[in-house]
Amino acid sequence: MPVRAEPSDKAELVTELVFGECYSVVLVQGAWQQIRITADDYVGWMDGKQHTPVSADYLAAWKAQDHPRSLDLVQMVSDATTRVPVIIGSRLPFFDGMTLRLGEQQLFYNGAATNPQNGHGPHGDLDKRLALLLKVGQLHLKAPYVWGGKSLFGIDCSGLMQQLYGLVGVQLPRDARQQVELGHTVHFVTQARPGDLAFFDNAEGRIIHVGMVLEDQRILHASGEVRIDPLDHNGIFRRDRQKYSHTLRLIRRVL
């Protein structure tokens, strides 16, 4: 669901709400609602027609735990009268292996999902978490770049990182300039390991891009599409264009 910079369908897309996320309504302006997304405190505007209210008790319980996430590219949650498509990386609130709870509604989910209590959470085995990150990252290859997007059908660089790391219990902020504050610095590209985050800046020194380091000095990132390119101390090298597309600023380890 689109979240926009201003209360208008013509306004810039700043992020998206993916199935299972919660938010609080900050302000109502006509048919539009300014919201604050619970997971990352991001603020934007949504069309009130897309609002699904939940109770304060539900929100408190939602915030108190890390929920499983869908691992199928596209799957359905359903009950006798409802079928809702969900994409990979969607939260499955209070999922017990068969049903989830969305407000007061019980819905069935019959697909693959992460298990935060069994290796995929923030305290799980590092190798297992990295393997999941790399596997799901590969599934996003060729997904088109969309500014503000967070889905397989349109995603930006920081949205891709936020979705991927959420699968292994790491809640990243929404934007690259915020994500760079997490973890600790890896000083040399040759010391980077798979799962590290690489950040890139512009001529003014502003962080404008982020990607995930892979083996053999490669990087997974969203630039035109989700792609894998070589990475060295200068930045990202596009072999198809025979030039650097992004200038490396620093690498941070968040796992």
Protein backbone atom coordinates (compact mmCIF):
# COMPACT_ATOMS: atom_id res chain seq x y z
CA MET A 1 0.00 0.00 0.00
CA PRO A 2 1.50 3.37 -1.00
CA VAL A 3 2.60 5.87 1.64
CA ARG A 4 3.09 9.33 0.14
CA ALA A 5 4.91 12.55 0.98
CA GLU A 6 1.70 14.62 0.82
CA PRO A 7 -2.05 13.88 1.06
CA SER A 8 -2.54 13.35 -2.68
CA ASP A 9 -2.49 10.44 -5.13
CA LYS A 10 -0.12 12.56 -7.22
CA ALA A 11 2.41 12.97 -4.40
CA GLU A 12 5.79 11.28 -4.23
CA LEU A 13 5.83 7.68 -3.02
CA VAL A 14 8.08 7.65 0.06
CA THR A 15 7.55 4.08 1.24
CA GLU A 16 5.02 1.26 1.24
CA LEU A 17 3.13 -0.67 3.88
CA VAL A 18 3.47 -4.42 3.38
CA PHE A 19 0.86 -6.90 4.65
CA GLY A 20 1.03 -7.42 8.42
CA GLU A 21 2.61 -4.06 9.33
CA CYS A 22 1.09 -1.71 11.91
CA TYR A 23 0.94 2.08 12.08
CA SER A 24 -0.57 4.87 14.15
CA VAL A 25 -2.70 7.68 12.75
CA VAL A 26 -1.09 11.04 13.50
CA LEU A 27 -3.40 13.42 11.64
CA VAL A 28 -6.53 13.27 9.51
CA GLN A 29 -6.92 15.67 6.59
CA GLY A 30 -10.05 15.09 4.54
CA ALA A 31 -9.91 11.59 3.07
CA TRP A 32 -6.22 11.23 3.94
CA GLN A 33 -4.43 10.10 7.09
CA GLN A 34 -0.91 10.94 8.13
CA ILE A 35 0.56 7.83 9.71
CA ARG A 36 3.64 6.77 11.64
CA ILE A 37 4.77 3.24 10.79
CA THR A 38 5.29 1.31 14.01
CA ALA A 39 8.38 -0.70 13.00
CA ASP A 40 10.58 2.15 11.74
CA ASP A 41 8.84 5.41 12.80
CA TYR A 42 8.54 6.52 9.17
CA VAL A 43 5.88 9.19 8.61
CA GLY A 44 3.78 9.66 5.47
CA TRP A 45 0.27 9.88 4.09
CA MET A 46 -2.15 7.08 3.19
CA ASP A 47 -5.58 7.09 1.61
CA GLY A 48 -8.16 6.63 4.36
CA LYS A 49 -10.00 4.08 2.20
CA GLN A 50 -7.10 1.70 2.78
CA HIS A 51 -7.13 2.04 6.58
CA THR A 52 -7.75 -1.10 8.65
CA PRO A 53 -8.20 -0.27 12.34
CA VAL A 54 -6.96 -2.53 15.15
CA SER A 55 -7.25 -2.21 18.92
CA ALA A 56 -4.63 -0.74 21.24
CA ASP A 57 -4.26 -4.19 22.83
CA TYR A 58 -3.54 -5.74 19.42
CA LEU A 59 -0.91 -3.09 18.67
CA ALA A 60 0.78 -3.59 22.05
CA ALA A 61 0.89 -7.36 21.54
CA TRP A 62 2.13 -6.89 17.95
CA LYS A 63 5.03 -4.71 19.15
CA ALA A 64 6.00 -7.20 21.87
CA GLN A 65 7.19 -9.93 19.50
CA ASP A 66 9.00 -10.62 16.23
CA HIS A 67 6.52 -12.13 13.79
CA PRO A 68 7.22 -14.80 11.16
CA ARG A 69 7.50 -13.60 7.57
CA SER A 70 6.34 -15.09 4.31
CA LEU A 71 8.99 -16.87 2.25
CA ASP A 72 6.87 -17.51 -0.84
CA LEU A 73 7.21 -15.04 -3.70
CA VAL A 74 3.43 -14.58 -3.71
CA GLN A 75 0.98 -16.41 -1.46
CA MET A 76 -2.57 -16.03 -0.17
CA VAL A 77 -4.01 -15.57 3.29
CA SER A 78 -7.69 -16.37 3.48
CA ASP A 79 -10.80 -17.25 5.41
CA ALA A 80 -14.25 -18.30 4.21
CA THR A 81 -14.98 -14.91 2.65
CA THR A 82 -11.57 -13.22 2.18
CA ARG A 83 -8.51 -13.85 0.01
CA VAL A 84 -5.59 -11.47 0.37
CA PRO A 85 -2.39 -11.75 -1.72
CA VAL A 86 0.83 -11.36 0.26
CA ILE A 87 4.39 -11.02 -1.04
CA ILE A 88 7.66 -12.43 0.19
CA GLY A 89 8.81 -10.69 3.36
CA SER A 90 5.30 -9.90 4.59
CA ARG A 91 4.75 -10.17 8.32
CA LEU A 92 2.40 -12.93 9.48
CA PRO A 93 1.12 -11.57 12.81
CA PHE A 94 0.78 -14.18 15.57
CA PHE A 95 1.25 -17.02 13.06
CA ASP A 96 1.05 -20.47 14.68
CA GLY A 97 1.94 -22.55 11.63
CA MET A 98 -1.57 -22.47 10.24
CA THR A 99 -3.41 -19.27 11.13
CA LEU A 100 -2.52 -15.63 11.75
CA ARG A 101 -4.45 -12.82 13.34
CA LEU A 102 -5.15 -9.48 11.68
CA GLY A 103 -7.06 -7.41 14.23
CA GLU A 104 -9.97 -9.62 15.24
CA GLN A 105 -9.83 -11.62 12.01
CA GLN A 106 -8.32 -15.12 11.85
CA LEU A 107 -6.78 -15.95 8.47
CA PHE A 108 -5.19 -19.12 7.12
CA TYR A 109 -1.71 -19.17 5.58
CA ASN A 110 -0.46 -22.32 3.88
CA GLY A 111 2.97 -21.22 2.63
CA ALA A 112 6.58 -21.17 3.76
CA ALA A 113 7.54 -18.81 6.59
CA THR A 114 10.47 -17.84 8.78
CA ASN A 115 10.59 -18.95 12.39
CA PRO A 116 12.06 -16.23 14.65
CA GLN A 117 12.29 -18.71 17.53
CA ASN A 118 14.15 -21.35 15.52
CA GLY A 119 17.27 -19.83 14.02
CA HIS A 120 15.91 -16.94 11.92
CA GLY A 121 15.66 -14.42 14.76
CA PRO A 122 18.32 -11.97 15.97
CA HIS A 123 19.87 -14.59 18.26
CA GLY A 124 19.86 -17.41 15.72
CA ASP A 125 22.82 -19.14 14.11
CA LEU A 126 24.73 -16.64 11.97
CA ASP A 127 25.35 -19.07 9.10
CA LYS A 128 21.67 -19.96 8.94
CA ARG A 129 20.63 -16.29 8.91
CA LEU A 130 23.18 -15.43 6.22
CA ALA A 131 22.04 -18.34 4.07
CA LEU A 132 18.46 -17.06 4.26
CA LEU A 133 19.52 -13.50 3.41
CA LEU A 134 21.45 -14.65 0.34
CA LYS A 135 18.71 -17.04 -0.83
CA VAL A 136 15.92 -14.46 -0.62
CA GLY A 137 18.17 -11.77 -2.08
CA GLN A 138 18.67 -13.94 -5.16
CA LEU A 139 14.90 -14.33 -5.48
CA HIS A 140 14.62 -10.54 -5.88
CA LEU A 141 16.98 -10.38 -8.87
CA LYS A 142 15.51 -8.42 -11.79
CA ALA A 143 12.82 -6.83 -9.58
CA PRO A 144 12.35 -3.31 -11.02
CA TYR A 145 13.61 -0.25 -9.16
CA VAL A 146 10.80 1.96 -7.81
CA TRP A 147 11.55 4.94 -5.56
CA GLY A 148 9.83 4.26 -2.23
CA GLY A 149 9.01 0.65 -3.14
CA LYS A 150 9.32 -2.32 -0.80
CA SER A 151 7.91 -5.18 -2.87
CA LEU A 152 9.13 -7.69 -5.41
CA PHE A 153 7.15 -5.75 -8.03
CA GLY A 154 8.99 -2.48 -7.37
CA ILE A 155 11.66 -1.75 -4.78
CA ASP A 156 14.38 0.76 -3.96
CA CYS A 157 17.84 0.11 -2.52
CA SER A 158 17.07 0.77 1.15
CA GLY A 159 13.65 -0.87 0.90
CA LEU A 160 15.35 -4.03 -0.36
CA MET A 161 17.76 -4.02 2.56
CA GLN A 162 14.99 -3.35 5.08
CA GLN A 163 12.91 -6.24 3.75
CA LEU A 164 15.81 -8.70 3.56
CA TYR A 165 17.21 -8.00 7.01
CA GLY A 166 13.74 -8.09 8.51
CA LEU A 167 13.64 -11.79 7.61
CA VAL A 168 16.42 -12.45 10.10
CA GLY A 169 15.12 -10.24 12.90
CA VAL A 170 17.09 -7.06 12.13
CA GLN A 171 14.82 -4.01 11.91
CA LEU A 172 16.61 -1.48 9.73
CA PRO A 173 15.42 2.11 9.41
CA ARG A 174 13.78 2.97 6.09
CA ASP A 175 16.40 5.13 4.35
CA ALA A 176 20.07 4.49 3.56
CA ARG A 177 21.12 7.69 5.38
CA GLN A 178 19.52 6.22 8.53
CA GLN A 179 20.72 2.65 8.01
CA VAL A 180 24.35 3.79 7.93
CA GLU A 181 24.14 4.59 11.65
CA LEU A 182 23.73 0.92 12.60
CA GLY A 183 26.42 -1.68 13.36
CA HIS A 184 30.15 -1.06 13.26
CA THR A 185 32.54 -0.07 10.49
CA VAL A 186 34.50 -2.54 8.37
CA HIS A 187 37.55 -0.60 7.26
CA PHE A 188 38.54 -2.47 4.09
CA VAL A 189 36.54 -4.10 1.31
CA THR A 190 38.81 -7.12 1.55
CA GLN A 191 37.70 -7.57 5.18
CA ALA A 192 33.98 -7.40 4.36
CA ARG A 193 31.96 -10.57 4.65
CA PRO A 194 28.63 -11.62 3.14
CA GLY A 195 25.78 -9.84 4.88
CA ASP A 196 27.62 -6.59 5.51
CA LEU A 197 26.01 -3.37 4.26
CA ALA A 198 27.94 -1.15 1.86
CA PHE A 199 27.01 2.53 1.63
CA PHE A 200 27.69 4.98 -1.19
CA ASP A 201 27.69 8.77 -1.35
CA ASN A 202 27.36 11.56 -3.89
CA ALA A 203 29.69 14.49 -4.66
CA GLU A 204 28.32 16.40 -1.65
CA GLY A 205 29.07 13.50 0.70
CA ARG A 206 25.42 12.48 1.27
CA ILE A 207 24.63 8.77 1.57
CA ILE A 208 22.48 7.94 -1.43
CA HIS A 209 22.75 4.18 -1.94
CA VAL A 210 23.10 0.90 -0.04
CA GLY A 211 23.59 -2.74 -0.92
CA MET A 212 24.47 -6.09 0.65
CA VAL A 213 27.97 -7.50 0.30
CA LEU A 214 28.24 -10.99 -1.20
CA GLU A 215 31.15 -13.38 -1.56
CA ASP A 216 34.02 -12.63 -3.96
CA GLN A 217 33.70 -8.84 -3.60
CA ARG A 218 30.27 -8.60 -5.19
CA ILE A 219 27.22 -6.66 -4.10
CA LEU A 220 23.45 -7.18 -4.30
CA HIS A 221 21.65 -3.86 -4.76
CA ALA A 222 18.71 -2.14 -6.47
CA SER A 223 19.79 0.18 -9.26
CA GLY A 224 17.42 0.17 -12.22
CA GLU A 225 16.67 -3.37 -11.11
CA VAL A 226 17.87 -5.68 -8.36
CA ARG A 227 21.24 -6.86 -9.61
CA ILE A 228 24.67 -8.19 -8.61
CA ASP A 229 27.80 -6.24 -9.53
CA PRO A 230 31.51 -6.22 -8.62
CA LEU A 231 32.54 -4.16 -5.58
CA ASP A 232 35.98 -2.75 -4.82
CA HIS A 233 37.49 0.08 -2.76
CA ASN A 234 36.29 2.62 -5.35
CA GLY A 235 32.68 1.46 -5.45
CA ILE A 236 30.33 -0.52 -7.70
CA PHE A 237 31.64 -1.34 -11.14
CA ARG A 238 29.14 -1.90 -13.95
CA ARG A 239 30.75 -4.33 -16.39
CA ASP A 240 27.98 -3.76 -18.93
CA ARG A 241 28.85 -0.04 -19.01
CA GLN A 242 32.55 -0.36 -18.18
CA LYS A 243 32.40 2.31 -15.50
CA TYR A 244 31.68 2.87 -11.81
CA SER A 245 28.05 3.63 -10.98
CA HIS A 246 28.41 4.38 -7.23
CA THR A 247 31.23 5.67 -5.03
CA LEU A 248 31.92 3.65 -1.89
CA ARG A 249 31.73 5.57 1.40
CA LEU A 250 31.92 2.85 4.05
CA ILE A 251 30.88 -0.67 5.02
CA ARG A 252 28.93 -1.51 8.18
CA ARG A 253 28.44 -4.88 9.87
CA VAL A 254 24.96 -5.29 11.34
CA LEU A 255 24.88 -9.06 11.92
